[in-house]
Amino acid sequence: MLNAATHYSIDYPDLSLILALVRGGTLARAAALLRVDVSTVFRAVRRLEAALGQTLFEKSRAGYLPTSLASNLAEQAERAEQALEAARMGVEQGAEVINGTVRLTCTDSVLQGVLLPALAQFMPHYPALTLELSTSNDFANLSRRDADIALRLTRTPPEHLVGRCLGRVAYQVCASPDFARQHQGRALADLPWIAPDDFLPDHPTVAWRREHLPGVRLSYRCNSLLSVTELVRAGLGVAALPDFLLEAGLQPLGPALAGYDTALWLLTRPDCRALRSVVTLFDELGRHVQIKSDHCAAFAL
């Protein structure tokens, strides 16, 4: 392959060719994606490599393996493809299309109990918007700029973030219906308990248990609140859980834990308010995330 520098100007059909072969991995699959014959793809790749003076693909038994150059060009091709699709939708819909990537972080329990139902309502209306989800309990995700938006359970959101309170979250001790029936009349302290492990040392349910049931023995310790919920649903014991997870299959064993409620906050960084994609997702979450309990005080926007 030639290594001499050239002045060849790569264009969109070249990027489409590279992307098709990266995605397909073989000449036949790339040809099917491009709706041409195999010989056309073969000649086009050879011609492009000669024009660039660099190898784009290595032939192997597994097919055509992209070089680092081809992989980088394929990423650019995907972005160009997304931009073109957004432009087409904008023409068809007669309005500005929201596109780009927004990074959102929340806990696994908030994802399951609150976020997924909301996303199902509005995300289909934004086909050009990509949402990157990560589950974490750490506010530092926003501080380190690893995320653009966070849904967090807290009473005191960090002052350097902006956002709104979506509602109060209460906690209740609960069990599966079968477990509650089998252990009816027993004291809470005598039941097998399921609880978060040290990843949430200051969680309201942990603080409540330490104060009201200091000698209780934990039968199960989990590294996520969602795992705690699943063990309770399976009938393995009792746990204090947020009210938004108390769905079918879980039975409260008493009233909410007085004085240990918290709130769900929708948060972002001040600099993100200039990004249309972030603002759009933020507003949609504010409209569609449903918390059944009372709303809390407002936070500076």
C-alpha atoms as a PDB file:
ATOM      1  CA  MET A   1       0.000   0.000   0.000  1.00  0.00           C
ATOM      2  CA  LEU A   2       1.255   3.468  -0.862  1.00  0.00           C
ATOM      3  CA  ASN A   3       2.428   5.627   2.014  1.00  0.00           C
ATOM      4  CA  ALA A   4       3.015   8.834   0.079  1.00  0.00           C
ATOM      5  CA  ALA A   5       0.971  11.814   1.201  1.00  0.00           C
ATOM      6  CA  THR A   6      -1.898  12.758  -1.100  1.00  0.00           C
ATOM      7  CA  HIS A   7      -4.240  15.697  -1.427  1.00  0.00           C
ATOM      8  CA  TYR A   8      -7.303  13.515  -1.821  1.00  0.00           C
ATOM      9  CA  SER A   9     -10.426  15.092  -0.309  1.00  0.00           C
ATOM     10  CA  ILE A  10     -12.619  12.472   1.329  1.00  0.00           C
ATOM     11  CA  ASP A  11     -16.372  12.907   0.803  1.00  0.00           C
ATOM     12  CA  TYR A  12     -19.636  11.509   2.177  1.00  0.00           C
ATOM     13  CA  PRO A  13     -19.835   8.512  -0.241  1.00  0.00           C
ATOM     14  CA  ASP A  14     -16.330   7.514   0.917  1.00  0.00           C
ATOM     15  CA  LEU A  15     -17.456   7.676   4.556  1.00  0.00           C
ATOM     16  CA  SER A  16     -20.585   5.653   3.723  1.00  0.00           C
ATOM     17  CA  LEU A  17     -18.417   2.991   2.099  1.00  0.00           C
ATOM     18  CA  ILE A  18     -16.115   2.743   5.125  1.00  0.00           C
ATOM     19  CA  LEU A  19     -19.040   2.668   7.555  1.00  0.00           C
ATOM     20  CA  ALA A  20     -20.791  -0.098   5.605  1.00  0.00           C
ATOM     21  CA  LEU A  21     -17.684  -2.294   5.606  1.00  0.00           C
ATOM     22  CA  VAL A  22     -17.016  -1.650   9.303  1.00  0.00           C
ATOM     23  CA  ARG A  23     -20.607  -2.532  10.140  1.00  0.00           C
ATOM     24  CA  GLY A  24     -20.801  -5.502   7.782  1.00  0.00           C
ATOM     25  CA  GLY A  25     -17.346  -6.932   8.288  1.00  0.00           C
ATOM     26  CA  THR A  26     -17.420  -8.609   4.867  1.00  0.00           C
ATOM     27  CA  LEU A  27     -17.707  -7.441   1.285  1.00  0.00           C
ATOM     28  CA  ALA A  28     -21.021  -9.257   0.883  1.00  0.00           C
ATOM     29  CA  ARG A  29     -22.678  -7.640   3.911  1.00  0.00           C
ATOM     30  CA  ALA A  30     -21.274  -4.208   3.025  1.00  0.00           C
ATOM     31  CA  ALA A  31     -22.613  -4.614  -0.516  1.00  0.00           C
ATOM     32  CA  ALA A  32     -26.048  -5.479   0.869  1.00  0.00           C
ATOM     33  CA  LEU A  33     -26.015  -2.382   3.092  1.00  0.00           C
ATOM     34  CA  LEU A  34     -25.010  -0.169   0.163  1.00  0.00           C
ATOM     35  CA  ARG A  35     -27.308  -1.991  -2.298  1.00  0.00           C
ATOM     36  CA  VAL A  36     -24.533  -2.620  -4.812  1.00  0.00           C
ATOM     37  CA  ASP A  37     -22.672  -5.738  -5.873  1.00  0.00           C
ATOM     38  CA  VAL A  38     -19.607  -7.153  -4.130  1.00  0.00           C
ATOM     39  CA  SER A  39     -17.179  -6.268  -6.920  1.00  0.00           C
ATOM     40  CA  THR A  40     -18.234  -2.610  -6.700  1.00  0.00           C
ATOM     41  CA  VAL A  41     -17.400  -2.517  -2.976  1.00  0.00           C
ATOM     42  CA  PHE A  42     -14.069  -4.268  -3.532  1.00  0.00           C
ATOM     43  CA  ARG A  43     -12.987  -1.851  -6.278  1.00  0.00           C
ATOM     44  CA  ALA A  44     -14.195   1.193  -4.305  1.00  0.00           C
ATOM     45  CA  VAL A  45     -12.185   0.205  -1.217  1.00  0.00           C
ATOM     46  CA  ARG A  46      -9.029  -0.434  -3.258  1.00  0.00           C
ATOM     47  CA  ARG A  47      -9.462   2.853  -5.076  1.00  0.00           C
ATOM     48  CA  LEU A  48     -10.005   4.799  -1.819  1.00  0.00           C
ATOM     49  CA  GLU A  49      -6.977   3.220  -0.123  1.00  0.00           C
ATOM     50  CA  ALA A  50      -4.839   4.095  -3.138  1.00  0.00           C
ATOM     51  CA  ALA A  51      -6.108   7.666  -3.134  1.00  0.00           C
ATOM     52  CA  LEU A  52      -5.439   8.078   0.589  1.00  0.00           C
ATOM     53  CA  GLY A  53      -2.126   6.275   0.474  1.00  0.00           C
ATOM     54  CA  GLN A  54      -3.088   4.318   3.605  1.00  0.00           C
ATOM     55  CA  THR A  55      -4.544   0.936   4.465  1.00  0.00           C
ATOM     56  CA  LEU A  56      -8.118   1.037   5.710  1.00  0.00           C
ATOM     57  CA  PHE A  57      -8.841  -2.673   6.185  1.00  0.00           C
ATOM     58  CA  GLU A  58      -6.854  -5.811   6.891  1.00  0.00           C
ATOM     59  CA  LYS A  59      -8.127  -8.994   5.243  1.00  0.00           C
ATOM     60  CA  SER A  60      -8.492 -11.972   7.576  1.00  0.00           C
ATOM     61  CA  ARG A  61     -10.445 -15.205   7.858  1.00  0.00           C
ATOM     62  CA  ALA A  62     -13.004 -13.317   9.923  1.00  0.00           C
ATOM     63  CA  GLY A  63     -13.510 -10.770   7.154  1.00  0.00           C
ATOM     64  CA  TYR A  64     -12.326  -7.192   6.758  1.00  0.00           C
ATOM     65  CA  LEU A  65     -10.852  -5.759   9.970  1.00  0.00           C
ATOM     66  CA  PRO A  66     -10.721  -1.939  10.117  1.00  0.00           C
ATOM     67  CA  THR A  67      -7.481  -0.175  10.901  1.00  0.00           C
ATOM     68  CA  SER A  68      -7.498   2.638  13.469  1.00  0.00           C
ATOM     69  CA  LEU A  69      -7.908   5.102  10.602  1.00  0.00           C
ATOM     70  CA  ALA A  70     -10.966   3.281   9.280  1.00  0.00           C
ATOM     71  CA  SER A  71     -12.465   3.058  12.785  1.00  0.00           C
ATOM     72  CA  ASN A  72     -12.022   6.805  13.298  1.00  0.00           C
ATOM     73  CA  LEU A  73     -13.521   7.574   9.895  1.00  0.00           C
ATOM     74  CA  ALA A  74     -16.451   5.246  10.650  1.00  0.00           C
ATOM     75  CA  GLU A  75     -17.190   7.229  13.835  1.00  0.00           C
ATOM     76  CA  GLN A  76     -17.200  10.438  11.792  1.00  0.00           C
ATOM     77  CA  ALA A  77     -19.465   8.737   9.258  1.00  0.00           C
ATOM     78  CA  GLU A  78     -21.958   7.794  11.974  1.00  0.00           C
ATOM     79  CA  ARG A  79     -22.099  11.399  13.180  1.00  0.00           C
ATOM     80  CA  ALA A  80     -22.603  12.606   9.617  1.00  0.00           C
ATOM     81  CA  GLU A  81     -25.321   9.993   9.152  1.00  0.00           C
ATOM     82  CA  GLN A  82     -27.110  11.177  12.315  1.00  0.00           C
ATOM     83  CA  ALA A  83     -26.837  14.826  11.272  1.00  0.00           C
ATOM     84  CA  LEU A  84     -28.252  14.034   7.833  1.00  0.00           C
ATOM     85  CA  GLU A  85     -31.149  12.076   9.365  1.00  0.00           C
ATOM     86  CA  ALA A  86     -31.884  14.943  11.746  1.00  0.00           C
ATOM     87  CA  ALA A  87     -31.939  17.373   8.813  1.00  0.00           C
ATOM     88  CA  ARG A  88     -34.335  15.139   6.883  1.00  0.00           C
ATOM     89  CA  MET A  89     -36.670  14.872   9.858  1.00  0.00           C
ATOM     90  CA  GLY A  90     -36.525  18.633  10.319  1.00  0.00           C
ATOM     91  CA  VAL A  91     -37.691  19.136   6.728  1.00  0.00           C
ATOM     92  CA  GLU A  92     -40.437  16.527   7.087  1.00  0.00           C
ATOM     93  CA  GLN A  93     -41.676  17.815  10.433  1.00  0.00           C
ATOM     94  CA  GLY A  94     -41.277  21.487   9.606  1.00  0.00           C
ATOM     95  CA  ALA A  95     -39.524  22.174  12.922  1.00  0.00           C
ATOM     96  CA  GLU A  96     -36.137  22.089  14.558  1.00  0.00           C
ATOM     97  CA  VAL A  97     -35.065  18.566  15.435  1.00  0.00           C
ATOM     98  CA  ILE A  98     -33.421  17.966  18.805  1.00  0.00           C
ATOM     99  CA  ASN A  99     -30.336  15.843  18.313  1.00  0.00           C
ATOM    100  CA  GLY A 100     -27.048  15.025  19.991  1.00  0.00           C
ATOM    101  CA  THR A 101     -26.081  12.965  23.021  1.00  0.00           C
ATOM    102  CA  VAL A 102     -27.102  13.667  26.616  1.00  0.00           C
ATOM    103  CA  ARG A 103     -25.537  11.787  29.541  1.00  0.00           C
ATOM    104  CA  LEU A 104     -27.855  11.029  32.446  1.00  0.00           C
ATOM    105  CA  THR A 105     -26.986   9.417  35.764  1.00  0.00           C
ATOM    106  CA  CYS A 106     -29.276   8.004  38.448  1.00  0.00           C
ATOM    107  CA  THR A 107     -29.440   5.103  40.876  1.00  0.00           C
ATOM    108  CA  ASP A 108     -30.619   1.717  39.674  1.00  0.00           C
ATOM    109  CA  SER A 109     -33.751   1.981  41.827  1.00  0.00           C
ATOM    110  CA  VAL A 110     -34.667   5.389  40.358  1.00  0.00           C
ATOM    111  CA  LEU A 111     -34.013   4.035  36.864  1.00  0.00           C
ATOM    112  CA  GLN A 112     -36.351   1.103  37.402  1.00  0.00           C
ATOM    113  CA  GLY A 113     -39.064   2.729  39.473  1.00  0.00           C
ATOM    114  CA  VAL A 114     -39.218   6.272  38.099  1.00  0.00           C
ATOM    115  CA  LEU A 115     -37.156   6.950  34.976  1.00  0.00           C
ATOM    116  CA  LEU A 116     -38.122   4.097  32.642  1.00  0.00           C
ATOM    117  CA  PRO A 117     -41.866   4.868  32.694  1.00  0.00           C
ATOM    118  CA  ALA A 118     -41.084   8.520  31.928  1.00  0.00           C
ATOM    119  CA  LEU A 119     -38.702   7.750  29.049  1.00  0.00           C
ATOM    120  CA  ALA A 120     -41.304   5.508  27.431  1.00  0.00           C
ATOM    121  CA  GLN A 121     -43.677   8.482  27.253  1.00  0.00           C
ATOM    122  CA  PHE A 122     -41.496  11.044  25.495  1.00  0.00           C
ATOM    123  CA  MET A 123     -38.277   9.572  24.058  1.00  0.00           C
ATOM    124  CA  PRO A 124     -40.015   8.154  20.945  1.00  0.00           C
ATOM    125  CA  HIS A 125     -40.708  11.785  19.973  1.00  0.00           C
ATOM    126  CA  TYR A 126     -36.940  12.497  19.809  1.00  0.00           C
ATOM    127  CA  PRO A 127     -35.509   9.892  17.413  1.00  0.00           C
ATOM    128  CA  ALA A 128     -32.371  11.974  16.783  1.00  0.00           C
ATOM    129  CA  LEU A 129     -31.556  12.289  20.502  1.00  0.00           C
ATOM    130  CA  THR A 130     -29.175   9.752  22.051  1.00  0.00           C
ATOM    131  CA  LEU A 131     -29.368   9.146  25.794  1.00  0.00           C
ATOM    132  CA  GLU A 132     -26.364   7.663  27.598  1.00  0.00           C
ATOM    133  CA  LEU A 133     -27.457   6.186  30.941  1.00  0.00           C
ATOM    134  CA  SER A 134     -25.236   5.325  33.877  1.00  0.00           C
ATOM    135  CA  THR A 135     -26.297   4.132  37.326  1.00  0.00           C
ATOM    136  CA  SER A 136     -24.376   5.621  40.223  1.00  0.00           C
ATOM    137  CA  ASN A 137     -24.944   7.041  43.710  1.00  0.00           C
ATOM    138  CA  ASP A 138     -22.240   9.675  43.308  1.00  0.00           C
ATOM    139  CA  PHE A 139     -22.911  13.403  42.842  1.00  0.00           C
ATOM    140  CA  ALA A 140     -19.336  13.675  41.575  1.00  0.00           C
ATOM    141  CA  ASN A 141     -20.511  12.426  38.185  1.00  0.00           C
ATOM    142  CA  LEU A 142     -21.903  15.881  37.487  1.00  0.00           C
ATOM    143  CA  SER A 143     -19.035  17.666  39.185  1.00  0.00           C
ATOM    144  CA  ARG A 144     -16.495  15.779  37.066  1.00  0.00           C
ATOM    145  CA  ARG A 145     -18.577  16.525  33.965  1.00  0.00           C
ATOM    146  CA  ASP A 146     -19.106  12.798  33.414  1.00  0.00           C
ATOM    147  CA  ALA A 147     -22.855  13.471  33.126  1.00  0.00           C
ATOM    148  CA  ASP A 148     -25.128  16.310  32.053  1.00  0.00           C
ATOM    149  CA  ILE A 149     -28.245  15.497  34.104  1.00  0.00           C
ATOM    150  CA  ALA A 150     -28.755  13.585  37.342  1.00  0.00           C
ATOM    151  CA  LEU A 151     -31.811  12.218  39.133  1.00  0.00           C
ATOM    152  CA  ARG A 152     -30.845  11.969  42.799  1.00  0.00           C
ATOM    153  CA  LEU A 153     -32.513  11.104  46.090  1.00  0.00           C
ATOM    154  CA  THR A 154     -31.351  13.675  48.636  1.00  0.00           C
ATOM    155  CA  ARG A 155     -32.565  16.297  51.091  1.00  0.00           C
ATOM    156  CA  THR A 156     -29.712  18.691  50.334  1.00  0.00           C
ATOM    157  CA  PRO A 157     -28.603  18.862  46.688  1.00  0.00           C
ATOM    158  CA  PRO A 158     -25.159  20.426  46.121  1.00  0.00           C
ATOM    159  CA  GLU A 159     -25.304  24.205  45.858  1.00  0.00           C
ATOM    160  CA  HIS A 160     -23.167  24.294  42.700  1.00  0.00           C
ATOM    161  CA  LEU A 161     -25.867  22.400  40.758  1.00  0.00           C
ATOM    162  CA  VAL A 162     -29.195  23.744  39.529  1.00  0.00           C
ATOM    163  CA  GLY A 163     -32.491  21.959  39.189  1.00  0.00           C
ATOM    164  CA  ARG A 164     -35.862  21.227  40.676  1.00  0.00           C
ATOM    165  CA  CYS A 165     -37.420  18.982  43.275  1.00  0.00           C
ATOM    166  CA  LEU A 166     -39.794  16.443  41.741  1.00  0.00           C
ATOM    167  CA  GLY A 167     -41.400  15.266  44.969  1.00  0.00           C
ATOM    168  CA  ARG A 168     -41.014  13.778  48.414  1.00  0.00           C
ATOM    169  CA  VAL A 169     -40.045  10.105  48.755  1.00  0.00           C
ATOM    170  CA  ALA A 170     -41.047   8.164  51.857  1.00  0.00           C
ATOM    171  CA  TYR A 171     -39.798   4.743  52.997  1.00  0.00           C
ATOM    172  CA  GLN A 172     -41.746   1.785  54.366  1.00  0.00           C
ATOM    173  CA  VAL A 173     -40.806  -1.606  55.743  1.00  0.00           C
ATOM    174  CA  CYS A 174     -42.285  -4.182  53.419  1.00  0.00           C
ATOM    175  CA  ALA A 175     -42.311  -7.875  52.533  1.00  0.00           C
ATOM    176  CA  SER A 176     -43.841 -10.173  49.969  1.00  0.00           C
ATOM    177  CA  PRO A 177     -47.496 -11.065  50.679  1.00  0.00           C
ATOM    178  CA  ASP A 178     -46.610 -14.723  51.365  1.00  0.00           C
ATOM    179  CA  PHE A 179     -43.811 -13.753  53.747  1.00  0.00           C
ATOM    180  CA  ALA A 180     -46.055 -11.282  55.588  1.00  0.00           C
ATOM    181  CA  ARG A 181     -48.750 -13.933  55.990  1.00  0.00           C
ATOM    182  CA  GLN A 182     -46.328 -16.592  57.256  1.00  0.00           C
ATOM    183  CA  HIS A 183     -44.715 -14.246  59.819  1.00  0.00           C
ATOM    184  CA  GLN A 184     -47.796 -12.334  60.929  1.00  0.00           C
ATOM    185  CA  GLY A 185     -47.521 -11.134  64.535  1.00  0.00           C
ATOM    186  CA  ARG A 186     -43.735 -11.396  64.778  1.00  0.00           C
ATOM    187  CA  ALA A 187     -41.728  -8.339  65.826  1.00  0.00           C
ATOM    188  CA  LEU A 188     -39.717  -6.607  63.095  1.00  0.00           C
ATOM    189  CA  ALA A 189     -36.492  -7.195  64.995  1.00  0.00           C
ATOM    190  CA  ASP A 190     -37.075 -10.968  64.857  1.00  0.00           C
ATOM    191  CA  LEU A 191     -37.486 -11.115  61.068  1.00  0.00           C
ATOM    192  CA  PRO A 192     -34.704 -11.737  58.512  1.00  0.00           C
ATOM    193  CA  TRP A 193     -33.596  -8.360  57.190  1.00  0.00           C
ATOM    194  CA  ILE A 194     -32.309  -7.382  53.770  1.00  0.00           C
ATOM    195  CA  ALA A 195     -30.353  -4.128  53.527  1.00  0.00           C
ATOM    196  CA  PRO A 196     -27.834  -2.144  51.456  1.00  0.00           C
ATOM    197  CA  ASP A 197     -24.203  -2.844  52.245  1.00  0.00           C
ATOM    198  CA  ASP A 198     -21.568  -0.191  52.935  1.00  0.00           C
ATOM    199  CA  PHE A 199     -22.100   1.514  49.568  1.00  0.00           C
ATOM    200  CA  LEU A 200     -24.911   3.543  51.201  1.00  0.00           C
ATOM    201  CA  PRO A 201     -23.790   4.081  54.823  1.00  0.00           C
ATOM    202  CA  ASP A 202     -25.904   7.244  55.261  1.00  0.00           C
ATOM    203  CA  HIS A 203     -29.036   6.058  53.491  1.00  0.00           C
ATOM    204  CA  PRO A 204     -32.265   7.016  55.365  1.00  0.00           C
ATOM    205  CA  THR A 205     -33.269   3.363  55.738  1.00  0.00           C
ATOM    206  CA  VAL A 206     -29.875   2.510  57.226  1.00  0.00           C
ATOM    207  CA  ALA A 207     -30.096   5.425  59.675  1.00  0.00           C
ATOM    208  CA  TRP A 208     -33.629   4.393  60.700  1.00  0.00           C
ATOM    209  CA  ARG A 209     -32.648   0.781  61.284  1.00  0.00           C
ATOM    210  CA  ARG A 210     -29.619   1.733  63.360  1.00  0.00           C
ATOM    211  CA  GLU A 211     -31.775   3.952  65.587  1.00  0.00           C
ATOM    212  CA  HIS A 212     -34.904   1.815  65.929  1.00  0.00           C
ATOM    213  CA  LEU A 213     -33.546  -1.732  65.491  1.00  0.00           C
ATOM    214  CA  PRO A 214     -29.888  -1.449  66.563  1.00  0.00           C
ATOM    215  CA  GLY A 215     -29.486  -5.131  67.371  1.00  0.00           C
ATOM    216  CA  VAL A 216     -31.158  -6.593  64.306  1.00  0.00           C
ATOM    217  CA  ARG A 217     -29.173  -9.187  62.384  1.00  0.00           C
ATOM    218  CA  LEU A 218     -28.916  -8.722  58.621  1.00  0.00           C
ATOM    219  CA  SER A 219     -29.588 -11.909  56.690  1.00  0.00           C
ATOM    220  CA  TYR A 220     -28.693 -10.348  53.315  1.00  0.00           C
ATOM    221  CA  ARG A 221     -26.554  -7.364  52.330  1.00  0.00           C
ATOM    222  CA  CYS A 222     -26.778  -6.086  48.748  1.00  0.00           C
ATOM    223  CA  ASN A 223     -24.762  -3.599  46.731  1.00  0.00           C
ATOM    224  CA  SER A 224     -27.852  -1.955  45.233  1.00  0.00           C
ATOM    225  CA  LEU A 225     -31.304  -0.970  46.451  1.00  0.00           C
ATOM    226  CA  LEU A 226     -32.837  -2.653  43.434  1.00  0.00           C
ATOM    227  CA  SER A 227     -31.245  -5.940  44.504  1.00  0.00           C
ATOM    228  CA  VAL A 228     -32.701  -5.431  47.978  1.00  0.00           C
ATOM    229  CA  THR A 229     -36.123  -5.026  46.374  1.00  0.00           C
ATOM    230  CA  GLU A 230     -35.790  -8.203  44.334  1.00  0.00           C
ATOM    231  CA  LEU A 231     -34.833 -10.257  47.396  1.00  0.00           C
ATOM    232  CA  VAL A 232     -37.843  -8.915  49.278  1.00  0.00           C
ATOM    233  CA  ARG A 233     -40.099  -9.725  46.341  1.00  0.00           C
ATOM    234  CA  ALA A 234     -38.694 -13.260  46.337  1.00  0.00           C
ATOM    235  CA  GLY A 235     -39.870 -13.704  49.940  1.00  0.00           C
ATOM    236  CA  LEU A 236     -36.431 -13.854  51.562  1.00  0.00           C
ATOM    237  CA  GLY A 237     -37.061 -11.224  54.230  1.00  0.00           C
ATOM    238  CA  VAL A 238     -38.083  -7.640  54.934  1.00  0.00           C
ATOM    239  CA  ALA A 239     -36.538  -4.291  54.037  1.00  0.00           C
ATOM    240  CA  ALA A 240     -37.267  -0.581  54.149  1.00  0.00           C
ATOM    241  CA  LEU A 241     -37.820   0.605  50.576  1.00  0.00           C
ATOM    242  CA  PRO A 242     -38.786   3.866  48.831  1.00  0.00           C
ATOM    243  CA  ASP A 243     -42.475   4.199  48.104  1.00  0.00           C
ATOM    244  CA  PHE A 244     -41.933   4.382  44.336  1.00  0.00           C
ATOM    245  CA  LEU A 245     -40.786   0.732  44.433  1.00  0.00           C
ATOM    246  CA  LEU A 246     -43.827  -0.486  46.372  1.00  0.00           C
ATOM    247  CA  GLU A 247     -45.649  -2.048  43.458  1.00  0.00           C
ATOM    248  CA  ALA A 248     -47.436  -5.349  43.000  1.00  0.00           C
ATOM    249  CA  GLY A 249     -45.667  -8.116  44.866  1.00  0.00           C
ATOM    250  CA  LEU A 250     -44.712  -6.002  47.895  1.00  0.00           C
ATOM    251  CA  GLN A 251     -46.785  -5.413  51.025  1.00  0.00           C
ATOM    252  CA  PRO A 252     -46.117  -2.587  53.519  1.00  0.00           C
ATOM    253  CA  LEU A 253     -45.849  -3.790  57.121  1.00  0.00           C
ATOM    254  CA  GLY A 254     -46.609  -0.420  58.664  1.00  0.00           C
ATOM    255  CA  PRO A 255     -46.724   3.333  58.054  1.00  0.00           C
ATOM    256  CA  ALA A 256     -43.956   5.368  56.436  1.00  0.00           C
ATOM    257  CA  LEU A 257     -40.805   5.868  58.488  1.00  0.00           C
ATOM    258  CA  ALA A 258     -41.531   9.221  60.131  1.00  0.00           C
ATOM    259  CA  GLY A 259     -38.719  11.743  59.841  1.00  0.00           C
ATOM    260  CA  TYR A 260     -36.677   9.702  57.354  1.00  0.00           C
ATOM    261  CA  ASP A 261     -38.168  10.806  54.066  1.00  0.00           C
ATOM    262  CA  THR A 262     -36.092  12.327  51.314  1.00  0.00           C
ATOM    263  CA  ALA A 263     -36.749  13.950  47.925  1.00  0.00           C
ATOM    264  CA  LEU A 264     -36.107  13.244  44.264  1.00  0.00           C
ATOM    265  CA  TRP A 265     -34.121  16.020  42.584  1.00  0.00           C
ATOM    266  CA  LEU A 266     -33.612  16.671  38.891  1.00  0.00           C
ATOM    267  CA  LEU A 267     -30.201  18.347  38.612  1.00  0.00           C
ATOM    268  CA  THR A 268     -27.802  19.682  36.035  1.00  0.00           C
ATOM    269  CA  ARG A 269     -24.725  21.917  35.809  1.00  0.00           C
ATOM    270  CA  PRO A 270     -25.208  25.658  35.178  1.00  0.00           C
ATOM    271  CA  ASP A 271     -23.205  25.493  31.939  1.00  0.00           C
ATOM    272  CA  CYS A 272     -25.547  22.814  30.526  1.00  0.00           C
ATOM    273  CA  ARG A 273     -28.439  25.282  30.364  1.00  0.00           C
ATOM    274  CA  ALA A 274     -26.978  26.583  27.098  1.00  0.00           C
ATOM    275  CA  LEU A 275     -27.297  23.157  25.431  1.00  0.00           C
ATOM    276  CA  ARG A 276     -30.635  22.689  23.691  1.00  0.00           C
ATOM    277  CA  SER A 277     -30.524  18.889  23.909  1.00  0.00           C
ATOM    278  CA  VAL A 278     -29.898  18.985  27.669  1.00  0.00           C
ATOM    279  CA  VAL A 279     -32.571  21.608  28.292  1.00  0.00           C
ATOM    280  CA  THR A 280     -35.089  19.613  26.250  1.00  0.00           C
ATOM    281  CA  LEU A 281     -34.447  16.389  28.141  1.00  0.00           C
ATOM    282  CA  PHE A 282     -34.426  18.240  31.468  1.00  0.00           C
ATOM    283  CA  ASP A 283     -37.822  19.797  30.741  1.00  0.00           C
ATOM    284  CA  GLU A 284     -39.328  16.517  29.543  1.00  0.00           C
ATOM    285  CA  LEU A 285     -38.149  14.729  32.678  1.00  0.00           C
ATOM    286  CA  GLY A 286     -39.615  17.488  34.801  1.00  0.00           C
ATOM    287  CA  ARG A 287     -42.998  16.984  33.107  1.00  0.00           C
ATOM    288  CA  HIS A 288     -43.104  13.194  32.979  1.00  0.00           C
ATOM    289  CA  VAL A 289     -41.317  11.856  36.055  1.00  0.00           C
ATOM    290  CA  GLN A 290     -44.120  10.966  38.449  1.00  0.00           C
ATOM    291  CA  ILE A 291     -43.709  10.886  42.224  1.00  0.00           C
ATOM    292  CA  LYS A 292     -46.968  10.019  43.968  1.00  0.00           C
ATOM    293  CA  SER A 293     -46.179  11.732  47.264  1.00  0.00           C
ATOM    294  CA  ASP A 294     -46.278  15.421  48.143  1.00  0.00           C
ATOM    295  CA  HIS A 295     -44.011  17.870  46.367  1.00  0.00           C
ATOM    296  CA  CYS A 296     -41.151  19.523  48.243  1.00  0.00           C
ATOM    297  CA  ALA A 297     -39.803  23.046  48.314  1.00  0.00           C
ATOM    298  CA  ALA A 298     -38.323  24.561  45.177  1.00  0.00           C
ATOM    299  CA  PHE A 299     -34.590  24.822  44.525  1.00  0.00           C
ATOM    300  CA  ALA A 300     -32.795  27.608  42.684  1.00  0.00           C
ATOM    301  CA  LEU A 301     -32.998  27.235  38.900  1.00  0.00           C
END
